Structure formats: C-alpha cells, structure tokens
Protein backbone atom coordinates (compact mmCIF):
# COMPACT_ATOMS: atom_id res chain seq x y z
CA UNK A 1 81.04 200.66 120.89
CA UNK A 2 82.98 201.00 117.79
CA UNK A 3 85.60 203.64 119.81
CA UNK A 4 85.71 202.01 122.96
CA UNK A 5 89.03 200.08 124.31
CA UNK A 6 89.71 197.15 125.90
CA UNK A 7 90.62 196.68 129.22
CA UNK A 8 93.60 194.82 129.65
CA UNK A 9 92.50 194.35 133.29
CA UNK A 10 88.84 192.52 131.75
CA UNK A 11 89.48 189.10 132.99
CA UNK A 12 86.72 188.33 130.11
CA UNK A 13 88.63 185.94 127.33
CA UNK A 14 89.43 187.46 123.63
CA UNK A 15 87.44 183.91 122.62
CA UNK A 16 84.82 181.68 123.97
CA UNK A 17 86.45 178.66 125.96
CA UNK A 18 85.44 175.57 124.20
CA UNK A 19 87.21 172.66 125.92
CA UNK A 20 84.75 172.54 128.71
CA UNK A 21 83.51 168.82 127.05
CA UNK A 22 86.83 167.54 126.89
CA UNK A 23 87.73 165.38 129.99
CA UNK A 24 90.70 166.70 131.53
CA UNK A 25 92.97 164.10 132.60
CA UNK A 26 92.46 163.53 136.66
CA UNK A 27 96.13 163.39 138.58
CA UNK A 28 93.89 162.83 141.78
CA UNK A 29 93.41 159.24 140.85
CA UNK A 30 97.53 158.31 140.88
CA UNK A 31 98.20 155.62 143.49
CA UNK A 32 94.57 154.56 143.31
CA UNK A 33 93.89 150.53 142.62
CA UNK A 34 92.82 149.40 138.94
CA UNK A 35 89.28 149.93 137.70
CA UNK A 36 86.52 146.96 138.87
CA UNK A 37 84.27 146.16 135.57
CA UNK A 38 81.06 145.10 136.19
CA UNK A 39 81.63 140.93 136.17
CA UNK A 40 84.27 141.20 138.19
CA UNK A 41 82.16 141.35 141.26
CA UNK A 42 80.37 138.44 140.02
CA UNK A 43 83.42 136.23 139.60
CA UNK A 44 84.47 137.30 143.40
CA UNK A 45 81.39 135.88 144.39
CA UNK A 46 81.99 132.81 146.73
CA UNK A 47 78.97 131.21 145.36
CA UNK A 48 79.53 131.54 141.50
CA UNK A 49 82.80 130.01 142.54
CA UNK A 50 80.32 126.88 143.97
CA UNK A 51 78.01 126.86 141.46
CA UNK A 52 80.89 126.94 138.86
CA UNK A 53 82.46 124.23 140.67
CA UNK A 54 79.86 121.91 140.98
CA UNK A 55 79.09 122.06 137.35
CA UNK A 56 82.68 121.36 136.09
CA UNK A 57 82.34 118.40 138.86
CA UNK A 58 79.03 117.18 137.32
CA UNK A 59 80.37 117.55 133.85
CA UNK A 60 83.07 115.28 134.88
CA UNK A 61 81.09 113.05 136.75
CA UNK A 62 78.65 112.56 133.50
CA UNK A 63 81.66 112.25 131.42
CA UNK A 64 83.04 109.32 133.51
CA UNK A 65 79.66 108.27 133.17
CA UNK A 66 79.34 108.21 129.69
CA UNK A 67 82.37 106.22 129.29
CA UNK A 68 81.87 103.85 131.49
CA UNK A 69 78.41 102.56 129.86
CA UNK A 70 79.71 102.88 126.54
CA UNK A 71 82.95 101.15 127.55
CA UNK A 72 80.66 97.96 128.63
CA UNK A 73 78.98 97.48 125.82
CA UNK A 74 82.08 98.61 123.11
CA UNK A 75 85.00 98.54 124.50
CA UNK A 76 87.05 101.13 122.97
CA UNK A 77 89.84 101.25 124.98
CA UNK A 78 90.66 97.98 124.28
CA UNK A 79 90.43 97.78 120.75
CA UNK A 80 94.11 97.59 119.92
CA UNK A 81 94.13 94.37 121.07
CA UNK A 82 91.77 92.95 118.38
CA UNK A 83 94.47 94.18 115.93
CA UNK A 84 97.42 93.02 117.34
CA UNK A 85 98.27 89.92 115.06
CA UNK A 86 100.97 88.83 112.96
CA UNK A 87 101.44 86.85 109.80
CA UNK A 88 101.79 83.42 111.71
CA UNK A 89 98.96 84.01 113.68
CA UNK A 90 96.51 85.30 110.52
CA UNK A 91 97.94 82.11 108.31
CA UNK A 92 97.01 79.63 111.22
CA UNK A 93 93.66 81.01 112.09
CA UNK A 94 92.63 81.28 108.54
CA UNK A 95 93.31 77.43 108.13
CA UNK A 96 91.38 76.83 111.22
CA UNK A 97 88.28 78.61 110.06
CA UNK A 98 88.00 76.03 107.22
CA UNK A 99 89.78 72.87 108.68
CA UNK A 100 88.56 73.32 111.93
CA UNK A 101 89.12 69.16 112.57
CA UNK A 102 92.87 69.80 112.26
CA UNK A 103 92.47 71.91 115.63
CA UNK A 104 91.81 68.52 117.68
CA UNK A 105 94.21 66.48 115.69
CA UNK A 106 97.04 68.51 116.06
CA UNK A 107 96.38 68.50 120.32
CA UNK A 108 96.33 65.23 120.25
CA UNK A 109 99.51 64.74 117.88
CA UNK A 110 101.90 67.29 120.00
CA UNK A 111 100.78 65.41 123.40
CA UNK A 112 100.80 61.89 122.27
CA UNK A 113 104.29 60.94 123.16
CA UNK A 114 104.15 63.15 126.25
CA UNK A 115 100.66 60.89 127.13
CA UNK A 116 102.30 57.91 126.14
CA UNK A 117 104.33 56.87 129.43
CA UNK A 118 101.72 57.69 131.82
CA UNK A 119 99.04 55.55 132.64
CA UNK A 120 96.05 56.99 134.48
CA UNK A 121 97.45 55.39 138.09
CA UNK A 122 100.20 56.94 137.75
CA UNK A 123 99.89 60.29 135.76
CA UNK A 124 100.21 63.31 138.09
CA UNK A 125 97.22 65.54 137.90
CA UNK A 126 97.92 68.23 136.24
CA UNK A 127 98.68 65.82 133.26
CA UNK A 128 95.61 65.74 130.69
CA UNK A 129 95.02 61.86 130.03
CA UNK A 130 92.24 61.91 127.91
CA UNK A 131 92.01 62.96 124.29
CA UNK A 132 88.25 65.02 125.79
CA UNK A 133 90.68 66.96 127.90
CA UNK A 134 92.79 67.78 125.46
CA UNK A 135 89.75 68.91 123.13
CA UNK A 136 88.22 71.54 125.25
CA UNK A 137 91.90 72.80 126.76
CA UNK A 138 92.79 73.06 123.17
CA UNK A 139 89.64 75.46 121.60
CA UNK A 140 89.87 77.78 125.19
CA UNK A 141 92.20 80.72 125.88
CA UNK A 142 95.11 79.94 127.32
CA UNK A 143 95.71 83.50 129.42
CA UNK A 144 92.61 84.85 130.89
CA UNK A 145 93.07 88.73 131.89
CA UNK A 146 90.69 91.84 132.68
CA UNK A 147 91.90 93.03 129.43
CA UNK A 148 91.84 90.95 126.20
CA UNK A 149 94.49 88.82 124.77
CA UNK A 150 96.65 89.81 121.97
CA UNK A 151 95.58 87.09 118.83
CA UNK A 152 99.28 86.57 118.03
CA UNK A 153 99.71 85.32 121.39
CA UNK A 154 96.80 82.89 121.10
CA UNK A 155 95.25 81.10 117.73
CA UNK A 156 92.02 80.59 120.55
CA UNK A 157 91.48 84.21 120.77
CA UNK A 158 89.34 86.54 118.93
CA UNK A 159 90.78 89.36 116.26
CA UNK A 160 89.28 91.94 114.00
CA UNK A 161 92.09 91.87 111.27
CA UNK A 162 90.39 88.66 109.86
CA UNK A 163 86.96 89.80 109.39
CA UNK A 164 87.28 93.52 108.78
CA UNK A 165 89.72 92.52 106.13
CA UNK A 166 87.57 89.42 105.33
CA UNK A 167 84.37 92.12 104.69
CA UNK A 168 86.60 94.37 102.13
CA UNK A 169 87.60 91.27 99.98
CA UNK A 170 84.29 90.02 100.08
CA UNK A 171 82.71 92.86 98.69
CA UNK A 172 85.69 93.43 96.27
CA UNK A 173 84.85 89.81 95.12
CA UNK A 174 81.21 90.07 94.90
CA UNK A 175 82.28 93.40 92.82
CA UNK A 176 84.00 91.27 90.52
CA UNK A 177 81.64 88.87 90.41
CA UNK A 178 78.83 91.17 88.75
CA UNK A 179 81.43 92.63 86.93
CA UNK A 180 82.08 89.68 84.95
CA UNK A 181 78.24 88.90 84.56
CA UNK A 182 77.87 92.35 83.12
CA UNK A 183 75.92 93.59 85.91
CA UNK A 184 78.17 95.70 88.10
CA UNK A 185 76.90 99.30 89.08
CA UNK A 186 78.47 101.33 91.87
CA UNK A 187 74.62 101.71 93.33
CA UNK A 188 74.53 97.93 93.24
CA UNK A 189 77.75 97.20 94.88
CA UNK A 190 77.02 99.23 97.78
CA UNK A 191 73.67 97.81 98.41
CA UNK A 192 75.64 94.58 98.44
CA UNK A 193 78.38 96.29 101.15
CA UNK A 194 75.24 98.22 103.13
CA UNK A 195 72.99 94.99 103.17
CA UNK A 196 76.06 92.53 104.60
CA UNK A 197 76.62 94.85 107.05
CA UNK A 198 73.27 95.59 108.32
CA UNK A 199 72.88 91.50 108.47
CA UNK A 200 75.74 91.82 110.58
CA UNK A 201 74.78 94.16 113.44
CA UNK A 202 71.46 92.83 113.09
CA UNK A 203 72.83 89.18 114.05
CA UNK A 204 75.22 90.89 116.56
CA UNK A 205 72.07 92.29 118.39
CA UNK A 206 69.79 89.69 118.27
CA UNK A 207 72.37 87.34 119.84
CA UNK A 208 72.98 90.12 122.84
CA UNK A 209 69.01 89.84 122.97
CA UNK A 210 68.96 85.66 123.40
CA UNK A 211 71.68 86.63 126.14
CA UNK A 212 70.31 89.12 128.30
CA UNK A 213 66.61 86.86 127.92
CA UNK A 214 68.74 83.69 129.03
CA UNK A 215 70.59 85.99 131.51
CA UNK A 216 73.90 84.17 130.68
CA UNK A 217 76.61 85.46 132.42
CA UNK A 218 79.64 85.46 129.96
CA UNK A 219 82.35 87.43 129.70
CA UNK A 220 81.78 87.79 126.27
CA UNK A 221 81.64 91.46 124.79
CA UNK A 222 80.32 92.72 122.01
CA UNK A 223 83.75 92.92 119.81
CA UNK A 224 84.07 89.62 120.85
CA UNK A 225 80.30 88.89 118.86
CA UNK A 226 81.34 90.91 116.29
CA UNK A 227 84.94 89.13 115.23
CA UNK A 228 82.75 85.47 115.29
CA UNK A 229 80.48 86.75 113.43
CA UNK A 230 82.76 88.42 110.63
CA UNK A 231 84.82 85.08 110.62
CA UNK A 232 81.97 83.80 108.02
CA UNK A 233 83.28 86.22 105.44
CA UNK A 234 86.33 83.96 104.81
CA UNK A 235 84.13 80.43 103.74
CA UNK A 236 82.04 83.43 101.39
CA UNK A 237 84.94 84.12 100.21
CA UNK A 238 86.14 80.48 99.52
CA UNK A 239 82.90 79.68 97.76
CA UNK A 240 82.68 82.83 95.64
CA UNK A 241 86.38 81.86 94.23
CA UNK A 242 85.51 78.62 93.76
CA UNK A 243 81.91 79.34 91.52
CA UNK A 244 84.21 81.81 89.28
CA UNK A 245 86.78 78.71 88.65
CA UNK A 246 84.45 75.70 88.73
CA UNK A 247 80.66 76.98 88.35
CA UNK A 248 77.85 76.34 90.60
CA UNK A 249 78.85 72.86 91.39
CA UNK A 250 82.30 74.22 92.71
CA UNK A 251 80.22 77.35 94.53
CA UNK A 252 77.83 74.47 96.29
CA UNK A 253 80.63 72.09 97.11
CA UNK A 254 82.70 74.70 98.58
CA UNK A 255 80.21 76.24 100.37
CA UNK A 256 78.70 73.33 101.78
CA UNK A 257 82.31 72.59 103.30
CA UNK A 258 82.93 76.48 104.45
CA UNK A 259 79.68 76.24 106.41
CA UNK A 260 80.21 72.90 108.41
CA UNK A 261 83.35 74.61 109.00
CA UNK A 262 82.06 77.23 110.55
CA UNK A 263 79.34 75.33 112.32
CA UNK A 264 81.83 73.73 114.36
CA UNK A 265 84.20 76.48 114.57
CA UNK A 266 81.40 78.27 116.26
CA UNK A 267 80.07 75.30 118.39
CA UNK A 268 83.66 74.91 119.60
CA UNK A 269 84.39 78.09 120.77
CA UNK A 270 81.44 79.45 122.11
CA UNK A 271 80.54 76.69 123.92
CA UNK A 272 82.83 77.50 126.56
CA UNK A 273 81.84 81.01 126.67
CA UNK A 274 77.87 80.61 126.74
CA UNK A 275 77.38 77.17 128.17
CA UNK A 276 78.43 76.24 132.04
CA UNK A 277 81.70 74.46 132.69
CA UNK A 278 80.12 71.41 132.90
CA UNK A 279 77.89 71.43 130.27
CA UNK A 280 81.29 73.15 127.74
CA UNK A 281 83.24 69.10 129.33
CA UNK A 282 80.43 67.10 127.93
CA UNK A 283 79.62 66.44 131.16
CA UNK A 284 75.15 65.39 131.73
CA UNK A 285 74.24 68.86 133.08
CA UNK A 286 70.05 68.74 134.05
CA UNK A 287 68.54 71.50 134.00
CA UNK A 288 66.66 74.27 132.15
CA UNK A 289 68.72 77.61 131.74
CA UNK A 290 71.71 74.95 130.64
CA UNK A 291 69.54 73.03 127.85
CA UNK A 292 68.64 77.06 126.82
CA UNK A 293 72.13 77.50 126.66
CA UNK A 294 73.22 74.84 124.35
CA UNK A 295 70.10 75.88 121.94
CA UNK A 296 71.53 79.41 122.00
CA UNK A 297 74.82 77.93 121.23
CA UNK A 298 73.69 75.80 118.42
CA UNK A 299 70.73 78.18 117.40
CA UNK A 300 74.30 81.25 116.41
CA UNK A 301 76.69 78.54 114.72
CA UNK A 302 73.42 77.44 112.32
CA UNK A 303 72.55 81.30 111.45
CA UNK A 304 76.33 81.43 110.14
CA UNK A 305 75.46 79.20 107.03
CA UNK A 306 72.18 80.69 106.36
CA UNK A 307 74.02 84.06 106.16
CA UNK A 308 76.52 82.28 104.20
CA UNK A 309 74.33 81.27 101.49
CA UNK A 310 71.99 84.55 101.49
CA UNK A 311 75.09 86.73 100.97
CA UNK A 312 76.50 84.84 98.17
CA UNK A 313 74.38 82.85 96.11
CA UNK A 314 73.47 85.25 93.71
CA UNK A 315 76.69 86.29 93.02
CA UNK A 316 76.66 82.85 90.94
CA UNK A 317 75.27 82.26 87.80
C-alpha cells in the first residue's frame, strides 16, 4: 500500500540478494592437504609404476639389441679408425695400389742385411729366413686388436679416406671427361655417380653373401669390404686421366697396368683374411672348403678389373 510505512524491525532486505551463486571462500578448508587430481591416483598405483619400469627396460633392451646388430654389420662406432690417416700413409698407400710389386721388394731390401749373417741352422726361431716368410708377413696387419688399427700406424690396414676421396675425384674427372666431349649435363653426371655407387653396394652385398654361403670364419667387416672395393677408383682415375693426355692408347695401357696391380693387391690382402692360415702361407691344403675359399678370393680380385673397365670405357673417345 502507498501509505504504508516500512517497519525498521522487518528482517526482509530492501533489495533482492543476488550473491547466492557466488562461491564464498571456505575458510574451513584451511590446513587441509593439497587437492588430489584424477591422474594422481593412477600414478601412485604400484602396478602402474611396475608397468612403466618394465616398458622402460624393454625399450632400453631393444635399443641395445639394435645397436649390437647394427654394429655387427656396420661398425659405426669404429668408423673414426678408418679415417685416422696422415699424408705419409696416403702417399705410401697410393704407391702400393699402383705398384704392389714394390711392397715385396722393399721388404726384402729392409731385411737383407738382417738375414745375411745367419744361416738357416744358426738363425733363431723368430728370425725370418726366407723370402716367402717376408712376403707373407709384409702384407699382414702388424697389430691384431679388437678395435681396428689406425691406418697411419700400418700401411696394410684398410681405410675409408682413399676410397671416399677416390669416389669423389672419379665423379669430378668423369664430369671433366664428359665436358671435353660436349656431353656434360647435370643429369648425366648424377647418373654416373649413382651407377658407380650402386655397383659398389651390389659388389659388397655379393661378397657378404658369398662369405656366408662358403661359411668363411673371418674378421672382415662390411667396412673392410667397402674399403677394399673402393681402392679400384684410384686405378680408374689414372686410366681416365691418361686418356685425356694420350688418347685411347694411353687409356688402355694405363688401365691394363692398374687392373693387374689391383688384382695383385686384392689377392695379397684378402688371402690372409679369407683363406686358412696354411693356404695363405702357400702350403698345399686339400679340402673342398679351402678350394672354395681360394676361388672366392680370386673371384673378388678378378671382379675389380671388370668394374674398372665398365665404369670408365665410355668416358674416353
């Protein structure tokens, strides 16, 4: 009613209270522990912790198995040893690849004064008394260790520096040869490089398969085979450069020399790795397995000149 007056003692508020939906701070919770999230209970479950620990151990074990099997075929952790070269080693190794016959002559000259004062009856056991012994020991790696020998310490140790640099130089020389004949194009140079790389991979895989089929117990690794297969690029470069300077006659003569040299080098090097100890020293050993090993060694050595000619004959005209 209009004339009605409001009683001060009336407890009803003048305006409607709209603060009912607002959360008021609860001071009763002071002193309680932290809030518990939904995933916290799962993480604190002992079975969940056990499952997480098992999964972590399983993942680490799988990584170890993968690294072990990968290192068995491609010893990535040991690659640094194959590039541990110096200028003296590179010079001597290049000379050995082109003139492998001098390796034996050098050994005889170095030990001639040492062998002359002794007769076979008076010489001590550890003294080499024949040229054959010098020939065998001179091609063998001096330091047999679990880890590869740094090539700068032993000229007979395989390396990857010369094969890698030889492959790059071969591609560049091939581009130069194609350019002098007005046949150069980036596509042709790419085909040349990829074909050389594919043939190298096929060769290494074929050797690995042959060693597995013949059941040869050897310490040769995949990196060793890549190194031995890549040494032929040195002779290929010499042949193509000789073709620049002296024409096809110079190409065929120099390539023939380099093919014979790489054949002798491969035979001398791999026979100590593939053949049995007695067969490698030149003693007659009967048995079908040793004959297979001998044929395999000769096949690997004979394949090098074939690849050298196949990858270079079209570069010289």
